[in-house]
Amino acid sequence: MNDLIELRLIELKNMTFSELGNIENSKEKTIRSNGKSFILTTWIDKINDDEIRIVVQSYRHFFLGIGKMDANGFTINKKGEISDLSESDLYEFI
């Protein structure tokens, strides 16, 4: 599951501040990997006019509402400087 998140983060980190600001927030995408289905959600939050927070969240449903959630992300500023989010920054997403 982390590989799916990391692949999406690499794609996003190669985008500009302006491009990231134009992505639809909480966009979900269902992906199949190794015969398993995952839902990837990309969260885009404007912290202020100069900084955006990006989080990619992955969910895999097992049964009866039980599943596994994971997330990772970063912030980017208008200068293009990227900082990875800490574990505590991700608590609301996992």
Protein backbone atom coordinates (compact mmCIF):
# COMPACT_ATOMS: atom_id res chain seq x y z
CA MET A 1 0.00 0.00 0.00
CA ASN A 2 2.84 2.42 0.79
CA ASP A 3 4.21 1.87 -2.73
CA LEU A 4 0.96 3.20 -4.21
CA ILE A 5 1.13 6.28 -2.00
CA GLU A 6 4.79 6.88 -2.82
CA LEU A 7 4.19 6.61 -6.57
CA ARG A 8 1.40 9.17 -6.35
CA LEU A 9 3.54 11.48 -4.18
CA ILE A 10 6.40 11.36 -6.71
CA GLU A 11 3.94 12.37 -9.42
CA LEU A 12 2.62 15.24 -7.30
CA LYS A 13 6.07 16.46 -6.22
CA ASN A 14 6.95 16.93 -9.89
CA MET A 15 4.10 19.41 -10.31
CA THR A 16 4.37 23.17 -9.76
CA PHE A 17 2.71 25.10 -6.94
CA SER A 18 0.13 26.45 -9.40
CA GLU A 19 -0.65 23.02 -10.85
CA LEU A 20 -1.13 21.56 -7.37
CA GLY A 21 -3.44 24.42 -6.44
CA ASN A 22 -5.71 23.49 -9.36
CA ILE A 23 -6.16 19.82 -8.42
CA GLU A 24 -9.63 18.88 -7.24
CA ASN A 25 -9.60 18.34 -3.46
CA SER A 26 -10.43 14.89 -2.06
CA LYS A 27 -10.30 13.24 -5.47
CA GLU A 28 -10.68 9.45 -5.11
CA LYS A 29 -9.30 6.83 -7.44
CA THR A 30 -9.74 3.06 -7.14
CA ILE A 31 -6.60 1.09 -7.99
CA ARG A 32 -6.03 -2.65 -8.25
CA SER A 33 -2.62 -3.96 -7.24
CA ASN A 34 -1.63 -7.59 -6.75
CA GLY A 35 -5.28 -8.62 -7.03
CA LYS A 36 -6.34 -6.23 -4.25
CA SER A 37 -8.43 -3.08 -4.53
CA PHE A 38 -7.33 0.20 -2.90
CA ILE A 39 -8.92 3.63 -2.78
CA LEU A 40 -6.41 6.46 -3.12
CA THR A 41 -7.59 9.91 -2.09
CA THR A 42 -5.59 13.06 -2.73
CA TRP A 43 -6.26 15.87 -0.24
CA ILE A 44 -5.24 19.42 -1.20
CA ASP A 45 -5.39 22.08 1.54
CA LYS A 46 -4.35 25.71 1.16
CA ILE A 47 -2.57 26.57 4.40
CA ASN A 48 -2.28 30.19 3.24
CA ASP A 49 -1.72 32.01 -0.06
CA ASP A 50 1.93 30.87 -0.13
CA GLU A 51 1.69 27.24 1.04
CA ILE A 52 -0.30 24.10 0.15
CA ARG A 53 -0.54 20.81 2.05
CA ILE A 54 -0.86 17.64 -0.03
CA VAL A 55 -1.82 14.29 1.52
CA VAL A 56 -2.30 10.99 -0.28
CA GLN A 57 -4.44 8.55 1.68
CA SER A 58 -4.86 4.87 0.89
CA TYR A 59 -7.64 2.61 2.13
CA ARG A 60 -8.07 -1.12 1.68
CA HIS A 61 -11.36 -2.67 2.74
CA PHE A 62 -11.21 -6.16 4.27
CA PHE A 63 -14.73 -7.03 5.49
CA LEU A 64 -17.63 -5.72 7.62
CA GLY A 65 -16.32 -2.15 7.64
CA ILE A 66 -12.84 -3.22 8.70
CA GLY A 67 -9.95 -1.96 6.62
CA LYS A 68 -6.48 -0.47 6.66
CA MET A 69 -5.77 3.23 6.18
CA ASP A 70 -2.38 4.79 5.49
CA ALA A 71 -1.27 8.28 4.43
CA ASN A 72 1.76 10.38 3.59
CA GLY A 73 2.25 13.87 2.29
CA PHE A 74 4.13 17.13 2.02
CA THR A 75 3.81 20.89 1.92
CA ILE A 76 4.98 23.08 -0.94
CA ASN A 77 5.39 26.84 -1.04
CA LYS A 78 5.31 29.28 -3.97
CA LYS A 79 9.10 29.02 -4.29
CA GLY A 80 8.69 25.28 -4.95
CA GLU A 81 10.28 24.25 -1.64
CA ILE A 82 8.92 20.91 -0.46
CA SER A 83 8.80 19.63 3.13
CA ASP A 84 7.59 16.13 4.04
CA LEU A 85 4.85 15.95 6.67
CA SER A 86 5.63 14.46 10.06
CA GLU A 87 3.75 11.51 11.50
CA SER A 88 1.79 13.83 13.80
CA ASP A 89 0.78 15.96 10.78
CA LEU A 90 -0.88 12.86 9.32
CA TYR A 91 -2.90 11.75 12.37
CA GLU A 92 -6.20 13.11 11.04
CA PHE A 93 -5.75 11.08 7.84
CA ILE A 94 -5.03 7.63 9.33
